[in-house]
Amino acid sequence: MQPVHGISPHNVRYRCMVDLLGRAGCLEEAVDLVKCMPMKPSVAICGTLLAACRTHKDVEMAAYADEYISKLTTQRTGIHVLQSNIYASAGKWAHIAKVRLQLKEKGIQKVPGSGSIEINGVIHEFISGEEPHCSDVARNK
């Protein structure tokens, strides 16, 4: 990149290449690119590689990305949820337990999903894990 095009390589450009290779199903090439980067891969690069592994159901390559992620001190729950989902789809329960333990050790908590709906001018918010609002909705009819 530098000698031919005068473009200095940095994480954003490497992430784009990892994304392109991953979307094309060239996971080994994406991993090789990550290995030869002159800097440590960022959380975003690891997440990009994980997303490609999930798309192509490649648990082996996901394990490689997992090595880097375990060394990062990221508070992003999305990375860990993605890891967990990849391992769950492959039935690798010990790996899921490891990811959850890392979350607990780092003090990271996933923000629960939520949604809202307006009924008769009243807005009702629903948060994952909460009790149903059936009685509230019925009273407002």
N, C-alpha and C. Protein backbone atom coordinates (compact mmCIF):
# COMPACT_ATOMS: atom_id res chain seq x y z
N MET A 1 0.82 -1.20 0.00
CA MET A 1 0.00 0.00 0.00
C MET A 1 0.87 1.27 0.00
N GLN A 2 1.85 1.29 0.88
CA GLN A 2 2.69 2.47 1.02
C GLN A 2 3.55 2.72 -0.20
N PRO A 3 4.34 1.71 -0.65
CA PRO A 3 5.24 2.00 -1.76
C PRO A 3 4.51 2.25 -3.09
N VAL A 4 3.44 1.54 -3.33
CA VAL A 4 2.76 1.64 -4.62
C VAL A 4 1.78 2.81 -4.67
N HIS A 5 0.94 2.93 -3.61
CA HIS A 5 -0.14 3.92 -3.64
C HIS A 5 0.06 5.11 -2.70
N GLY A 6 1.09 5.05 -1.86
CA GLY A 6 1.34 6.15 -0.93
C GLY A 6 0.32 6.22 0.20
N ILE A 7 -0.33 5.11 0.48
CA ILE A 7 -1.34 5.07 1.53
C ILE A 7 -0.76 4.34 2.73
N SER A 8 -0.79 5.02 3.88
CA SER A 8 -0.24 4.37 5.07
C SER A 8 -1.27 3.40 5.65
N PRO A 9 -0.85 2.17 5.92
CA PRO A 9 -1.78 1.19 6.47
C PRO A 9 -2.05 1.46 7.95
N HIS A 10 -3.30 1.43 8.34
CA HIS A 10 -3.65 1.48 9.75
C HIS A 10 -4.92 0.65 9.95
N ASN A 11 -5.37 0.58 11.19
CA ASN A 11 -6.44 -0.34 11.55
C ASN A 11 -7.69 -0.25 10.67
N VAL A 12 -8.09 0.95 10.31
CA VAL A 12 -9.32 1.09 9.52
C VAL A 12 -9.18 0.41 8.16
N ARG A 13 -8.04 0.59 7.52
CA ARG A 13 -7.84 -0.03 6.21
C ARG A 13 -7.72 -1.54 6.31
N TYR A 14 -7.05 -2.00 7.36
CA TYR A 14 -6.95 -3.45 7.56
C TYR A 14 -8.33 -4.03 7.86
N ARG A 15 -9.12 -3.31 8.63
CA ARG A 15 -10.47 -3.79 8.95
C ARG A 15 -11.30 -3.92 7.68
N CYS A 16 -11.19 -2.98 6.78
CA CYS A 16 -11.92 -3.06 5.50
C CYS A 16 -11.51 -4.29 4.71
N MET A 17 -10.22 -4.56 4.69
CA MET A 17 -9.75 -5.74 3.95
C MET A 17 -10.21 -7.04 4.62
N VAL A 18 -10.16 -7.08 5.96
CA VAL A 18 -10.64 -8.27 6.67
C VAL A 18 -12.13 -8.46 6.39
N ASP A 19 -12.88 -7.38 6.35
CA ASP A 19 -14.31 -7.45 6.05
C ASP A 19 -14.55 -7.97 4.64
N LEU A 20 -13.83 -7.44 3.67
CA LEU A 20 -13.99 -7.89 2.27
C LEU A 20 -13.66 -9.37 2.12
N LEU A 21 -12.54 -9.78 2.71
CA LEU A 21 -12.14 -11.19 2.63
C LEU A 21 -13.15 -12.07 3.36
N GLY A 22 -13.60 -11.62 4.52
CA GLY A 22 -14.57 -12.39 5.30
C GLY A 22 -15.89 -12.56 4.58
N ARG A 23 -16.39 -11.50 4.00
CA ARG A 23 -17.66 -11.58 3.26
C ARG A 23 -17.56 -12.51 2.06
N ALA A 24 -16.36 -12.56 1.47
CA ALA A 24 -16.14 -13.42 0.31
C ALA A 24 -15.90 -14.88 0.72
N GLY A 25 -15.86 -15.12 2.03
CA GLY A 25 -15.63 -16.49 2.51
C GLY A 25 -14.16 -16.88 2.56
N CYS A 26 -13.28 -15.92 2.37
CA CYS A 26 -11.83 -16.18 2.39
C CYS A 26 -11.30 -15.96 3.80
N LEU A 27 -11.77 -16.79 4.73
CA LEU A 27 -11.43 -16.59 6.14
C LEU A 27 -9.95 -16.84 6.43
N GLU A 28 -9.36 -17.83 5.77
CA GLU A 28 -7.93 -18.10 6.00
C GLU A 28 -7.10 -16.89 5.56
N GLU A 29 -7.45 -16.30 4.44
CA GLU A 29 -6.73 -15.12 3.97
C GLU A 29 -6.92 -13.95 4.93
N ALA A 30 -8.13 -13.82 5.47
CA ALA A 30 -8.40 -12.74 6.43
C ALA A 30 -7.55 -12.93 7.68
N VAL A 31 -7.47 -14.15 8.16
CA VAL A 31 -6.64 -14.44 9.34
C VAL A 31 -5.17 -14.19 9.03
N ASP A 32 -4.71 -14.60 7.85
CA ASP A 32 -3.32 -14.35 7.46
C ASP A 32 -3.02 -12.85 7.45
N LEU A 33 -3.98 -12.07 6.97
CA LEU A 33 -3.81 -10.62 6.94
C LEU A 33 -3.68 -10.07 8.37
N VAL A 34 -4.53 -10.56 9.26
CA VAL A 34 -4.47 -10.12 10.66
C VAL A 34 -3.12 -10.49 11.28
N LYS A 35 -2.63 -11.68 10.96
CA LYS A 35 -1.35 -12.13 11.51
C LYS A 35 -0.18 -11.26 11.05
N CYS A 36 -0.23 -10.77 9.82
CA CYS A 36 0.91 -10.01 9.30
C CYS A 36 0.77 -8.49 9.47
N MET A 37 -0.27 -8.06 10.14
CA MET A 37 -0.43 -6.62 10.38
C MET A 37 0.73 -6.10 11.23
N PRO A 38 1.19 -4.89 10.96
CA PRO A 38 2.30 -4.34 11.75
C PRO A 38 1.87 -3.87 13.14
N MET A 39 0.57 -3.89 13.43
CA MET A 39 0.07 -3.50 14.74
C MET A 39 -0.85 -4.58 15.27
N LYS A 40 -1.16 -4.51 16.57
CA LYS A 40 -2.08 -5.49 17.14
C LYS A 40 -3.48 -5.21 16.60
N PRO A 41 -4.25 -6.27 16.36
CA PRO A 41 -5.60 -6.04 15.85
C PRO A 41 -6.48 -5.34 16.89
N SER A 42 -7.30 -4.45 16.40
CA SER A 42 -8.22 -3.72 17.28
C SER A 42 -9.44 -4.58 17.58
N VAL A 43 -10.25 -4.11 18.50
CA VAL A 43 -11.50 -4.79 18.82
C VAL A 43 -12.38 -4.87 17.57
N ALA A 44 -12.39 -3.79 16.79
CA ALA A 44 -13.21 -3.75 15.58
C ALA A 44 -12.77 -4.79 14.57
N ILE A 45 -11.47 -4.98 14.41
CA ILE A 45 -10.97 -5.99 13.47
C ILE A 45 -11.36 -7.38 13.95
N CYS A 46 -11.20 -7.64 15.23
CA CYS A 46 -11.59 -8.94 15.78
C CYS A 46 -13.09 -9.17 15.62
N GLY A 47 -13.88 -8.14 15.83
CA GLY A 47 -15.33 -8.26 15.66
C GLY A 47 -15.70 -8.52 14.21
N THR A 48 -15.00 -7.88 13.29
CA THR A 48 -15.23 -8.09 11.87
C THR A 48 -14.91 -9.53 11.48
N LEU A 49 -13.81 -10.02 11.99
CA LEU A 49 -13.42 -11.41 11.72
C LEU A 49 -14.43 -12.38 12.34
N LEU A 50 -14.87 -12.10 13.55
CA LEU A 50 -15.87 -12.95 14.20
C LEU A 50 -17.18 -12.97 13.42
N ALA A 51 -17.60 -11.81 12.94
CA ALA A 51 -18.86 -11.74 12.18
C ALA A 51 -18.77 -12.61 10.92
N ALA A 52 -17.61 -12.58 10.26
CA ALA A 52 -17.43 -13.42 9.07
C ALA A 52 -17.44 -14.90 9.45
N CYS A 53 -16.83 -15.22 10.59
CA CYS A 53 -16.83 -16.62 11.06
C CYS A 53 -18.25 -17.09 11.34
N ARG A 54 -19.05 -16.22 11.90
CA ARG A 54 -20.44 -16.58 12.19
C ARG A 54 -21.22 -16.78 10.89
N THR A 55 -21.04 -15.87 9.95
CA THR A 55 -21.73 -15.96 8.67
C THR A 55 -21.42 -17.27 7.96
N HIS A 56 -20.15 -17.66 8.00
CA HIS A 56 -19.71 -18.86 7.29
C HIS A 56 -19.62 -20.09 8.20
N LYS A 57 -20.10 -19.94 9.44
CA LYS A 57 -20.16 -21.06 10.41
C LYS A 57 -18.79 -21.74 10.57
N ASP A 58 -17.75 -20.92 10.73
CA ASP A 58 -16.40 -21.44 10.87
C ASP A 58 -15.91 -21.24 12.30
N VAL A 59 -16.15 -22.22 13.14
CA VAL A 59 -15.81 -22.15 14.56
C VAL A 59 -14.30 -22.16 14.76
N GLU A 60 -13.58 -22.86 13.90
CA GLU A 60 -12.12 -22.95 14.01
C GLU A 60 -11.48 -21.57 13.87
N MET A 61 -11.91 -20.81 12.88
CA MET A 61 -11.37 -19.46 12.69
C MET A 61 -11.84 -18.53 13.81
N ALA A 62 -13.03 -18.76 14.30
CA ALA A 62 -13.54 -17.95 15.42
C ALA A 62 -12.66 -18.15 16.65
N ALA A 63 -12.15 -19.35 16.84
CA ALA A 63 -11.27 -19.63 17.96
C ALA A 63 -9.99 -18.80 17.84
N TYR A 64 -9.53 -18.59 16.62
CA TYR A 64 -8.34 -17.77 16.41
C TYR A 64 -8.62 -16.33 16.84
N ALA A 65 -9.74 -15.78 16.41
CA ALA A 65 -10.12 -14.41 16.81
C ALA A 65 -10.30 -14.33 18.32
N ASP A 66 -10.81 -15.41 18.89
CA ASP A 66 -11.04 -15.48 20.33
C ASP A 66 -9.74 -15.29 21.11
N GLU A 67 -8.63 -15.82 20.58
CA GLU A 67 -7.33 -15.65 21.25
C GLU A 67 -6.99 -14.18 21.43
N TYR A 68 -7.20 -13.39 20.39
CA TYR A 68 -6.91 -11.96 20.46
C TYR A 68 -7.89 -11.24 21.39
N ILE A 69 -9.16 -11.60 21.28
CA ILE A 69 -10.19 -10.91 22.06
C ILE A 69 -9.97 -11.12 23.55
N SER A 70 -9.55 -12.32 23.94
CA SER A 70 -9.33 -12.59 25.36
C SER A 70 -8.21 -11.71 25.93
N LYS A 71 -7.31 -11.23 25.07
CA LYS A 71 -6.21 -10.37 25.52
C LYS A 71 -6.61 -8.90 25.56
N LEU A 72 -7.70 -8.55 24.87
CA LEU A 72 -8.14 -7.16 24.83
C LEU A 72 -8.96 -6.84 26.08
N THR A 73 -8.89 -5.61 26.50
CA THR A 73 -9.68 -5.19 27.65
C THR A 73 -10.88 -4.40 27.15
N THR A 74 -11.73 -5.05 26.39
CA THR A 74 -12.88 -4.37 25.82
C THR A 74 -14.10 -4.49 26.72
N GLN A 75 -14.87 -3.44 26.75
CA GLN A 75 -16.12 -3.43 27.50
C GLN A 75 -17.31 -3.61 26.55
N ARG A 76 -17.04 -3.89 25.30
CA ARG A 76 -18.11 -4.05 24.30
C ARG A 76 -18.75 -5.43 24.44
N THR A 77 -19.99 -5.45 24.82
CA THR A 77 -20.67 -6.73 25.02
C THR A 77 -20.96 -7.42 23.70
N GLY A 78 -21.08 -6.67 22.62
CA GLY A 78 -21.41 -7.25 21.32
C GLY A 78 -20.40 -8.29 20.88
N ILE A 79 -19.13 -8.03 21.12
CA ILE A 79 -18.07 -8.97 20.76
C ILE A 79 -18.28 -10.29 21.50
N HIS A 80 -18.54 -10.18 22.79
CA HIS A 80 -18.70 -11.38 23.61
C HIS A 80 -19.98 -12.14 23.26
N VAL A 81 -21.04 -11.41 22.96
CA VAL A 81 -22.29 -12.06 22.55
C VAL A 81 -22.09 -12.78 21.22
N LEU A 82 -21.37 -12.17 20.31
CA LEU A 82 -21.08 -12.79 19.02
C LEU A 82 -20.27 -14.08 19.22
N GLN A 83 -19.25 -14.01 20.08
CA GLN A 83 -18.47 -15.22 20.40
C GLN A 83 -19.39 -16.31 20.93
N SER A 84 -20.21 -15.96 21.88
CA SER A 84 -21.11 -16.93 22.51
C SER A 84 -22.05 -17.55 21.50
N ASN A 85 -22.58 -16.74 20.60
CA ASN A 85 -23.51 -17.23 19.57
C ASN A 85 -22.83 -18.21 18.61
N ILE A 86 -21.59 -17.93 18.25
CA ILE A 86 -20.85 -18.82 17.35
C ILE A 86 -20.67 -20.18 18.02
N TYR A 87 -20.26 -20.15 19.28
CA TYR A 87 -20.03 -21.41 20.00
C TYR A 87 -21.34 -22.14 20.28
N ALA A 88 -22.41 -21.40 20.53
CA ALA A 88 -23.72 -22.04 20.76
C ALA A 88 -24.20 -22.77 19.52
N SER A 89 -24.01 -22.15 18.36
CA SER A 89 -24.47 -22.80 17.12
C SER A 89 -23.70 -24.08 16.84
N ALA A 90 -22.48 -24.18 17.39
CA ALA A 90 -21.67 -25.39 17.19
C ALA A 90 -21.79 -26.35 18.38
N GLY A 91 -22.58 -25.98 19.39
CA GLY A 91 -22.76 -26.84 20.56
C GLY A 91 -21.52 -26.92 21.45
N LYS A 92 -20.68 -25.90 21.40
CA LYS A 92 -19.45 -25.89 22.21
C LYS A 92 -19.72 -25.18 23.54
N TRP A 93 -20.33 -25.91 24.46
CA TRP A 93 -20.80 -25.33 25.72
C TRP A 93 -19.66 -24.89 26.62
N ALA A 94 -18.54 -25.58 26.59
CA ALA A 94 -17.39 -25.19 27.42
C ALA A 94 -16.86 -23.83 26.98
N HIS A 95 -16.86 -23.58 25.66
CA HIS A 95 -16.40 -22.30 25.14
C HIS A 95 -17.36 -21.18 25.55
N ILE A 96 -18.66 -21.48 25.54
CA ILE A 96 -19.65 -20.48 25.96
C ILE A 96 -19.41 -20.12 27.42
N ALA A 97 -19.16 -21.13 28.25
CA ALA A 97 -18.91 -20.89 29.67
C ALA A 97 -17.67 -20.00 29.85
N LYS A 98 -16.65 -20.23 29.02
CA LYS A 98 -15.42 -19.42 29.09
C LYS A 98 -15.72 -17.95 28.75
N VAL A 99 -16.51 -17.72 27.72
CA VAL A 99 -16.86 -16.36 27.31
C VAL A 99 -17.65 -15.68 28.43
N ARG A 100 -18.60 -16.39 29.00
CA ARG A 100 -19.41 -15.81 30.08
C ARG A 100 -18.57 -15.52 31.31
N LEU A 101 -17.61 -16.37 31.59
CA LEU A 101 -16.71 -16.14 32.72
C LEU A 101 -15.88 -14.89 32.48
N GLN A 102 -15.42 -14.70 31.24
CA GLN A 102 -14.66 -13.49 30.90
C GLN A 102 -15.52 -12.25 31.12
N LEU A 103 -16.78 -12.32 30.73
CA LEU A 103 -17.69 -11.19 30.95
C LEU A 103 -17.80 -10.88 32.44
N LYS A 104 -17.97 -11.92 33.22
CA LYS A 104 -18.13 -11.75 34.67
C LYS A 104 -16.86 -11.18 35.29
N GLU A 105 -15.69 -11.72 34.89
CA GLU A 105 -14.42 -11.25 35.43
C GLU A 105 -14.16 -9.79 35.09
N LYS A 106 -14.56 -9.38 33.90
CA LYS A 106 -14.35 -7.99 33.47
C LYS A 106 -15.46 -7.06 33.97
N GLY A 107 -16.48 -7.63 34.61
CA GLY A 107 -17.58 -6.82 35.13
C GLY A 107 -18.47 -6.25 34.05
N ILE A 108 -18.54 -6.94 32.93
CA ILE A 108 -19.34 -6.47 31.79
C ILE A 108 -20.73 -7.09 31.86
N GLN A 109 -21.75 -6.26 31.69
CA GLN A 109 -23.11 -6.77 31.65
C GLN A 109 -23.77 -6.33 30.35
N LYS A 110 -24.47 -7.25 29.73
CA LYS A 110 -25.19 -6.94 28.50
C LYS A 110 -26.43 -6.12 28.85
N VAL A 111 -26.64 -5.05 28.12
CA VAL A 111 -27.84 -4.24 28.31
C VAL A 111 -29.01 -5.01 27.72
N PRO A 112 -30.08 -5.20 28.50
CA PRO A 112 -31.21 -5.98 27.99
C PRO A 112 -31.90 -5.28 26.82
N GLY A 113 -32.45 -6.09 25.92
CA GLY A 113 -33.19 -5.53 24.80
C GLY A 113 -34.47 -4.87 25.28
N SER A 114 -34.91 -3.88 24.55
CA SER A 114 -36.15 -3.19 24.94
C SER A 114 -36.91 -2.73 23.71
N GLY A 115 -38.14 -2.41 23.93
CA GLY A 115 -39.00 -1.90 22.87
C GLY A 115 -40.15 -1.13 23.48
N SER A 116 -40.87 -0.40 22.66
CA SER A 116 -42.01 0.35 23.18
C SER A 116 -43.12 0.37 22.14
N ILE A 117 -44.32 0.61 22.64
CA ILE A 117 -45.49 0.68 21.77
C ILE A 117 -46.45 1.70 22.37
N GLU A 118 -47.15 2.40 21.51
CA GLU A 118 -48.15 3.37 21.98
C GLU A 118 -49.53 2.78 21.78
N ILE A 119 -50.30 2.72 22.86
CA ILE A 119 -51.67 2.22 22.81
C ILE A 119 -52.58 3.25 23.44
N ASN A 120 -53.54 3.74 22.66
CA ASN A 120 -54.49 4.75 23.14
C ASN A 120 -53.79 5.94 23.78
N GLY A 121 -52.72 6.40 23.17
CA GLY A 121 -52.00 7.58 23.65
C GLY A 121 -51.06 7.32 24.81
N VAL A 122 -50.95 6.09 25.26
CA VAL A 122 -50.06 5.75 26.37
C VAL A 122 -48.90 4.92 25.83
N ILE A 123 -47.68 5.32 26.17
CA ILE A 123 -46.50 4.59 25.71
C ILE A 123 -46.14 3.54 26.75
N HIS A 124 -45.99 2.30 26.27
CA HIS A 124 -45.61 1.17 27.13
C HIS A 124 -44.23 0.71 26.70
N GLU A 125 -43.33 0.63 27.68
CA GLU A 125 -41.98 0.16 27.38
C GLU A 125 -41.83 -1.26 27.91
N PHE A 126 -41.18 -2.10 27.11
CA PHE A 126 -40.97 -3.49 27.46
C PHE A 126 -39.47 -3.75 27.47
N ILE A 127 -39.00 -4.36 28.53
CA ILE A 127 -37.59 -4.68 28.66
C ILE A 127 -37.46 -6.19 28.82
N SER A 128 -36.51 -6.77 28.10
CA SER A 128 -36.29 -8.21 28.15
C SER A 128 -36.09 -8.68 29.59
N GLY A 129 -36.84 -9.72 29.97
CA GLY A 129 -36.71 -10.27 31.31
C GLY A 129 -37.70 -9.72 32.31
N GLU A 130 -38.45 -8.68 31.94
CA GLU A 130 -39.45 -8.11 32.85
C GLU A 130 -40.75 -8.89 32.77
N GLU A 131 -41.60 -8.66 33.76
CA GLU A 131 -42.92 -9.27 33.78
C GLU A 131 -43.77 -8.71 32.63
N PRO A 132 -44.72 -9.50 32.13
CA PRO A 132 -45.60 -9.02 31.05
C PRO A 132 -46.45 -7.84 31.50
N HIS A 133 -46.83 -7.01 30.56
CA HIS A 133 -47.64 -5.83 30.83
C HIS A 133 -49.10 -6.04 30.45
N CYS A 134 -49.56 -7.27 30.39
CA CYS A 134 -50.91 -7.57 29.90
C CYS A 134 -51.97 -6.80 30.68
N SER A 135 -51.87 -6.76 32.00
CA SER A 135 -52.89 -6.08 32.79
C SER A 135 -52.88 -4.58 32.53
N ASP A 136 -51.69 -4.00 32.33
CA ASP A 136 -51.60 -2.57 32.04
C ASP A 136 -52.27 -2.26 30.70
N VAL A 137 -52.02 -3.09 29.70
CA VAL A 137 -52.59 -2.86 28.37
C VAL A 137 -54.10 -3.02 28.43
N ALA A 138 -54.58 -4.04 29.15
CA ALA A 138 -56.03 -4.30 29.24
C ALA A 138 -56.73 -3.14 29.92
N ARG A 139 -56.12 -2.55 30.96
CA ARG A 139 -56.76 -1.42 31.67
C ARG A 139 -56.87 -0.20 30.80
N ASN A 140 -55.97 -0.02 29.85
CA ASN A 140 -55.97 1.19 29.04
C ASN A 140 -56.84 1.09 27.81
N LYS A 141 -57.57 -0.01 27.64
CA LYS A 141 -58.43 -0.14 26.47
C LYS A 141 -59.72 0.61 26.65
